[in-house]
């Protein structure tokens, strides 16, 4: 028998993943030419394909995000999110193995350029695995006001931790390493 997931925990996860994927899709759609260039730079497929693949990626991200919020499509959307996040991680890992550490990760939108790094591979692998929890059956218990408070508090903590870790690993640590190397 497959264990079920608590609806409060499941709600935290689906809203967190939707909050991650919807803005990511928006950033890509908003400046499709930049995203197409970033996608082509990864050299996963012939560069000329990037213009054709670029619009599909944010549509898939948005579809998965919305699908996670709907109980009928949640299991399929969870598998889709897992494949999407694992694919991003594999693309980064492949380029790191190739020695292409100056490549823009494409994960911060068009306003900021951030080079790929090993921590992004681990982050995406963790996210790809964790989202699969919401594909399991959900417990049918009624949620209370305390559950709603817990969900909101958990989402606030997740956002704060996400921003702190992203800032630390994406900006502070690379600058510290650059300063150390300049000595």
C-alpha atoms as a PDB file:
ATOM      1  CA  UNK A   1       0.000   0.000   0.000  1.00  0.00           C
ATOM      2  CA  UNK A   2       1.346   3.422  -0.974  1.00  0.00           C
ATOM      3  CA  UNK A   3       1.551   5.775   1.992  1.00  0.00           C
ATOM      4  CA  UNK A   4      -0.476   8.949   1.608  1.00  0.00           C
ATOM      5  CA  UNK A   5       0.738  12.505   2.001  1.00  0.00           C
ATOM      6  CA  UNK A   6      -0.780  14.874   4.536  1.00  0.00           C
ATOM      7  CA  UNK A   7      -2.869  17.541   2.758  1.00  0.00           C
ATOM      8  CA  UNK A   8      -1.154  20.389   4.638  1.00  0.00           C
ATOM      9  CA  UNK A   9       2.309  19.204   3.578  1.00  0.00           C
ATOM     10  CA  UNK A  10       1.070  18.507   0.062  1.00  0.00           C
ATOM     11  CA  UNK A  11      -0.408  22.009  -0.153  1.00  0.00           C
ATOM     12  CA  UNK A  12       2.879  23.564   0.937  1.00  0.00           C
ATOM     13  CA  UNK A  13       4.741  21.610  -1.730  1.00  0.00           C
ATOM     14  CA  UNK A  14       2.384  22.293  -4.634  1.00  0.00           C
ATOM     15  CA  UNK A  15       2.152  26.019  -3.887  1.00  0.00           C
ATOM     16  CA  UNK A  16       5.944  26.262  -3.438  1.00  0.00           C
ATOM     17  CA  UNK A  17       6.601  24.498  -6.744  1.00  0.00           C
ATOM     18  CA  UNK A  18       3.983  26.587  -8.542  1.00  0.00           C
ATOM     19  CA  UNK A  19       5.609  29.709  -7.061  1.00  0.00           C
ATOM     20  CA  UNK A  20       8.944  28.514  -8.429  1.00  0.00           C
ATOM     21  CA  UNK A  21       7.789  27.470 -11.906  1.00  0.00           C
ATOM     22  CA  UNK A  22       5.300  30.205 -12.824  1.00  0.00           C
ATOM     23  CA  UNK A  23       7.742  33.124 -12.421  1.00  0.00           C
ATOM     24  CA  UNK A  24      10.409  31.078 -14.214  1.00  0.00           C
ATOM     25  CA  UNK A  25       8.035  30.631 -17.142  1.00  0.00           C
ATOM     26  CA  UNK A  26       7.136  34.328 -17.073  1.00  0.00           C
ATOM     27  CA  UNK A  27      10.807  35.404 -17.190  1.00  0.00           C
ATOM     28  CA  UNK A  28      11.395  33.194 -20.211  1.00  0.00           C
ATOM     29  CA  UNK A  29       8.268  34.307 -22.078  1.00  0.00           C
ATOM     30  CA  UNK A  30       8.925  37.962 -21.287  1.00  0.00           C
ATOM     31  CA  UNK A  31      12.273  37.894 -23.107  1.00  0.00           C
ATOM     32  CA  UNK A  32      12.111  34.882 -25.382  1.00  0.00           C
ATOM     33  CA  UNK A  33      15.058  36.061 -27.496  1.00  0.00           C
ATOM     34  CA  UNK A  34      17.371  36.104 -24.457  1.00  0.00           C
ATOM     35  CA  UNK A  35      16.095  32.729 -23.277  1.00  0.00           C
ATOM     36  CA  UNK A  36      16.563  31.296 -26.766  1.00  0.00           C
ATOM     37  CA  UNK A  37      20.187  32.500 -26.733  1.00  0.00           C
ATOM     38  CA  UNK A  38      20.784  30.996 -23.269  1.00  0.00           C
ATOM     39  CA  UNK A  39      19.200  27.714 -24.362  1.00  0.00           C
ATOM     40  CA  UNK A  40      21.303  27.588 -27.521  1.00  0.00           C
ATOM     41  CA  UNK A  41      24.472  28.291 -25.551  1.00  0.00           C
ATOM     42  CA  UNK A  42      23.986  25.068 -23.590  1.00  0.00           C
ATOM     43  CA  UNK A  43      24.737  23.096 -26.781  1.00  0.00           C
ATOM     44  CA  UNK A  44      22.371  20.281 -25.854  1.00  0.00           C
ATOM     45  CA  UNK A  45      20.981  20.206 -29.405  1.00  0.00           C
ATOM     46  CA  UNK A  46      21.811  22.104 -32.611  1.00  0.00           C
ATOM     47  CA  UNK A  47      21.794  25.854 -31.925  1.00  0.00           C
ATOM     48  CA  UNK A  48      19.264  26.575 -34.680  1.00  0.00           C
ATOM     49  CA  UNK A  49      16.699  24.486 -32.785  1.00  0.00           C
ATOM     50  CA  UNK A  50      16.797  26.887 -29.809  1.00  0.00           C
ATOM     51  CA  UNK A  51      14.342  29.312 -31.428  1.00  0.00           C
ATOM     52  CA  UNK A  52      11.838  26.473 -31.822  1.00  0.00           C
ATOM     53  CA  UNK A  53      12.382  24.868 -28.413  1.00  0.00           C
ATOM     54  CA  UNK A  54      12.511  28.148 -26.439  1.00  0.00           C
ATOM     55  CA  UNK A  55       8.751  28.868 -26.492  1.00  0.00           C
ATOM     56  CA  UNK A  56       7.918  25.263 -25.559  1.00  0.00           C
ATOM     57  CA  UNK A  57       9.924  25.298 -22.309  1.00  0.00           C
ATOM     58  CA  UNK A  58       8.036  28.108 -20.521  1.00  0.00           C
ATOM     59  CA  UNK A  59       4.704  26.737 -21.729  1.00  0.00           C
ATOM     60  CA  UNK A  60       5.647  23.372 -20.234  1.00  0.00           C
ATOM     61  CA  UNK A  61       6.776  25.068 -16.985  1.00  0.00           C
ATOM     62  CA  UNK A  62       3.490  26.973 -16.698  1.00  0.00           C
ATOM     63  CA  UNK A  63       1.418  23.883 -17.555  1.00  0.00           C
ATOM     64  CA  UNK A  64       3.220  21.836 -14.912  1.00  0.00           C
ATOM     65  CA  UNK A  65       2.790  24.597 -12.302  1.00  0.00           C
ATOM     66  CA  UNK A  66      -0.937  24.863 -12.952  1.00  0.00           C
ATOM     67  CA  UNK A  67      -1.250  21.081 -13.129  1.00  0.00           C
ATOM     68  CA  UNK A  68       0.286  20.746  -9.670  1.00  0.00           C
ATOM     69  CA  UNK A  69      -2.464  22.946  -8.238  1.00  0.00           C
ATOM     70  CA  UNK A  70      -5.257  20.768  -9.666  1.00  0.00           C
ATOM     71  CA  UNK A  71      -5.880  17.431  -7.926  1.00  0.00           C
ATOM     72  CA  UNK A  72      -6.883  15.643 -11.139  1.00  0.00           C
ATOM     73  CA  UNK A  73      -3.600  16.457 -12.902  1.00  0.00           C
ATOM     74  CA  UNK A  74      -1.280  16.595  -9.883  1.00  0.00           C
ATOM     75  CA  UNK A  75       0.422  13.184 -10.256  1.00  0.00           C
ATOM     76  CA  UNK A  76       1.219  13.717 -13.942  1.00  0.00           C
ATOM     77  CA  UNK A  77       2.323  17.314 -13.263  1.00  0.00           C
ATOM     78  CA  UNK A  78       4.601  16.112 -10.433  1.00  0.00           C
ATOM     79  CA  UNK A  79       6.325  13.705 -12.821  1.00  0.00           C
ATOM     80  CA  UNK A  80       6.552  16.493 -15.401  1.00  0.00           C
ATOM     81  CA  UNK A  81       8.108  18.866 -12.851  1.00  0.00           C
ATOM     82  CA  UNK A  82      10.572  16.186 -11.826  1.00  0.00           C
ATOM     83  CA  UNK A  83      11.629  15.560 -15.435  1.00  0.00           C
ATOM     84  CA  UNK A  84      11.890  19.307 -16.088  1.00  0.00           C
ATOM     85  CA  UNK A  85      14.048  20.011 -13.028  1.00  0.00           C
ATOM     86  CA  UNK A  86      16.206  16.936 -13.591  1.00  0.00           C
ATOM     87  CA  UNK A  87      16.709  17.993 -17.221  1.00  0.00           C
ATOM     88  CA  UNK A  88      17.888  21.432 -16.120  1.00  0.00           C
ATOM     89  CA  UNK A  89      20.290  19.801 -13.680  1.00  0.00           C
ATOM     90  CA  UNK A  90      21.604  17.415 -16.327  1.00  0.00           C
ATOM     91  CA  UNK A  91      22.137  20.261 -18.800  1.00  0.00           C
ATOM     92  CA  UNK A  92      24.125  22.181 -16.180  1.00  0.00           C
ATOM     93  CA  UNK A  93      26.116  19.083 -15.193  1.00  0.00           C
ATOM     94  CA  UNK A  94      26.941  18.290 -18.817  1.00  0.00           C
ATOM     95  CA  UNK A  95      28.292  21.788 -19.357  1.00  0.00           C
ATOM     96  CA  UNK A  96      30.285  21.706 -16.121  1.00  0.00           C
ATOM     97  CA  UNK A  97      31.877  18.440 -17.267  1.00  0.00           C
ATOM     98  CA  UNK A  98      32.685  20.159 -20.570  1.00  0.00           C
ATOM     99  CA  UNK A  99      34.468  22.872 -18.551  1.00  0.00           C
ATOM    100  CA  UNK A 100      31.972  25.564 -19.516  1.00  0.00           C
ATOM    101  CA  UNK A 101      31.717  27.252 -16.117  1.00  0.00           C
ATOM    102  CA  UNK A 102      31.102  30.721 -17.565  1.00  0.00           C
ATOM    103  CA  UNK A 103      27.768  29.695 -19.096  1.00  0.00           C
ATOM    104  CA  UNK A 104      24.704  31.614 -17.834  1.00  0.00           C
ATOM    105  CA  UNK A 105      22.454  29.268 -15.858  1.00  0.00           C
ATOM    106  CA  UNK A 106      19.332  31.003 -17.170  1.00  0.00           C
ATOM    107  CA  UNK A 107      17.645  30.563 -13.796  1.00  0.00           C
ATOM    108  CA  UNK A 108      17.531  34.200 -12.713  1.00  0.00           C
ATOM    109  CA  UNK A 109      15.723  35.680 -15.667  1.00  0.00           C
ATOM    110  CA  UNK A 110      17.056  38.285 -18.078  1.00  0.00           C
ATOM    111  CA  UNK A 111      17.950  40.837 -15.403  1.00  0.00           C
ATOM    112  CA  UNK A 112      20.893  38.949 -13.900  1.00  0.00           C
ATOM    113  CA  UNK A 113      23.569  36.732 -15.378  1.00  0.00           C
ATOM    114  CA  UNK A 114      24.719  33.895 -13.124  1.00  0.00           C
ATOM    115  CA  UNK A 115      27.299  31.298 -14.176  1.00  0.00           C
ATOM    116  CA  UNK A 116      26.492  27.598 -13.793  1.00  0.00           C
ATOM    117  CA  UNK A 117      27.833  25.871 -10.681  1.00  0.00           C
ATOM    118  CA  UNK A 118      27.814  22.400  -9.161  1.00  0.00           C
ATOM    119  CA  UNK A 119      25.430  23.451  -6.365  1.00  0.00           C
ATOM    120  CA  UNK A 120      22.754  24.072  -9.006  1.00  0.00           C
ATOM    121  CA  UNK A 121      22.959  20.436 -10.082  1.00  0.00           C
ATOM    122  CA  UNK A 122      22.413  19.295  -6.479  1.00  0.00           C
ATOM    123  CA  UNK A 123      19.609  21.821  -6.003  1.00  0.00           C
ATOM    124  CA  UNK A 124      17.778  20.624  -9.101  1.00  0.00           C
ATOM    125  CA  UNK A 125      18.268  16.960  -8.217  1.00  0.00           C
ATOM    126  CA  UNK A 126      16.792  17.617  -4.760  1.00  0.00           C
ATOM    127  CA  UNK A 127      13.865  19.567  -6.200  1.00  0.00           C
ATOM    128  CA  UNK A 128      13.258  16.872  -8.839  1.00  0.00           C
ATOM    129  CA  UNK A 129      13.070  14.197  -6.153  1.00  0.00           C
ATOM    130  CA  UNK A 130      11.013  16.136  -3.615  1.00  0.00           C
ATOM    131  CA  UNK A 131       8.226  17.059  -6.034  1.00  0.00           C
ATOM    132  CA  UNK A 132       7.428  13.366  -6.524  1.00  0.00           C
ATOM    133  CA  UNK A 133       5.944  13.290  -3.009  1.00  0.00           C
ATOM    134  CA  UNK A 134       2.855  15.145  -4.252  1.00  0.00           C
ATOM    135  CA  UNK A 135       2.184  12.438  -6.844  1.00  0.00           C
ATOM    136  CA  UNK A 136       1.245  10.062  -4.021  1.00  0.00           C
ATOM    137  CA  UNK A 137      -2.359   9.820  -2.818  1.00  0.00           C
ATOM    138  CA  UNK A 138      -3.346  12.548  -0.384  1.00  0.00           C
ATOM    139  CA  UNK A 139      -4.877  11.827   3.003  1.00  0.00           C
ATOM    140  CA  UNK A 140      -8.578  12.732   3.023  1.00  0.00           C
ATOM    141  CA  UNK A 141      -8.618  14.458   6.414  1.00  0.00           C
ATOM    142  CA  UNK A 142     -10.290  17.859   6.726  1.00  0.00           C
ATOM    143  CA  UNK A 143      -7.906  20.786   7.067  1.00  0.00           C
ATOM    144  CA  UNK A 144      -8.359  23.209   9.957  1.00  0.00           C
ATOM    145  CA  UNK A 145      -7.517  26.852  10.493  1.00  0.00           C
ATOM    146  CA  UNK A 146      -4.283  25.739  12.134  1.00  0.00           C
ATOM    147  CA  UNK A 147      -3.398  23.893   8.919  1.00  0.00           C
ATOM    148  CA  UNK A 148      -3.928  27.070   6.885  1.00  0.00           C
ATOM    149  CA  UNK A 149      -1.706  29.000   9.297  1.00  0.00           C
ATOM    150  CA  UNK A 150       0.922  26.235   9.122  1.00  0.00           C
ATOM    151  CA  UNK A 151       0.836  26.251   5.320  1.00  0.00           C
ATOM    152  CA  UNK A 152       1.293  30.034   5.154  1.00  0.00           C
ATOM    153  CA  UNK A 153       4.081  29.973   7.748  1.00  0.00           C
ATOM    154  CA  UNK A 154       5.859  27.110   5.983  1.00  0.00           C
ATOM    155  CA  UNK A 155       5.645  28.923   2.637  1.00  0.00           C
ATOM    156  CA  UNK A 156       7.097  32.095   4.194  1.00  0.00           C
ATOM    157  CA  UNK A 157       9.985  30.101   5.688  1.00  0.00           C
ATOM    158  CA  UNK A 158      10.611  28.297   2.380  1.00  0.00           C
ATOM    159  CA  UNK A 159      10.765  31.604   0.498  1.00  0.00           C
ATOM    160  CA  UNK A 160      13.175  33.107   3.033  1.00  0.00           C
ATOM    161  CA  UNK A 161      15.431  30.038   3.025  1.00  0.00           C
ATOM    162  CA  UNK A 162      15.334  29.879  -0.786  1.00  0.00           C
ATOM    163  CA  UNK A 163      16.335  33.546  -1.091  1.00  0.00           C
ATOM    164  CA  UNK A 164      19.087  33.224   1.522  1.00  0.00           C
ATOM    165  CA  UNK A 165      20.623  30.080   0.017  1.00  0.00           C
ATOM    166  CA  UNK A 166      20.324  31.445  -3.512  1.00  0.00           C
ATOM    167  CA  UNK A 167      22.032  34.684  -2.468  1.00  0.00           C
ATOM    168  CA  UNK A 168      24.739  32.875  -0.506  1.00  0.00           C
ATOM    169  CA  UNK A 169      25.612  30.254  -3.123  1.00  0.00           C
ATOM    170  CA  UNK A 170      24.848  32.335  -6.197  1.00  0.00           C
ATOM    171  CA  UNK A 171      26.453  35.642  -5.273  1.00  0.00           C
ATOM    172  CA  UNK A 172      28.356  35.739  -1.979  1.00  0.00           C
ATOM    173  CA  UNK A 173      30.357  32.500  -2.290  1.00  0.00           C
ATOM    174  CA  UNK A 174      31.561  33.185  -5.878  1.00  0.00           C
ATOM    175  CA  UNK A 175      32.662  36.717  -4.910  1.00  0.00           C
ATOM    176  CA  UNK A 176      34.480  35.357  -1.872  1.00  0.00           C
ATOM    177  CA  UNK A 177      36.239  32.778  -4.027  1.00  0.00           C
ATOM    178  CA  UNK A 178      37.214  35.474  -6.538  1.00  0.00           C
ATOM    179  CA  UNK A 179      38.650  37.633  -3.736  1.00  0.00           C
ATOM    180  CA  UNK A 180      40.572  34.693  -2.313  1.00  0.00           C
ATOM    181  CA  UNK A 181      41.979  33.831  -5.751  1.00  0.00           C
ATOM    182  CA  UNK A 182      43.143  37.428  -6.304  1.00  0.00           C
ATOM    183  CA  UNK A 183      45.486  37.344  -3.283  1.00  0.00           C
END
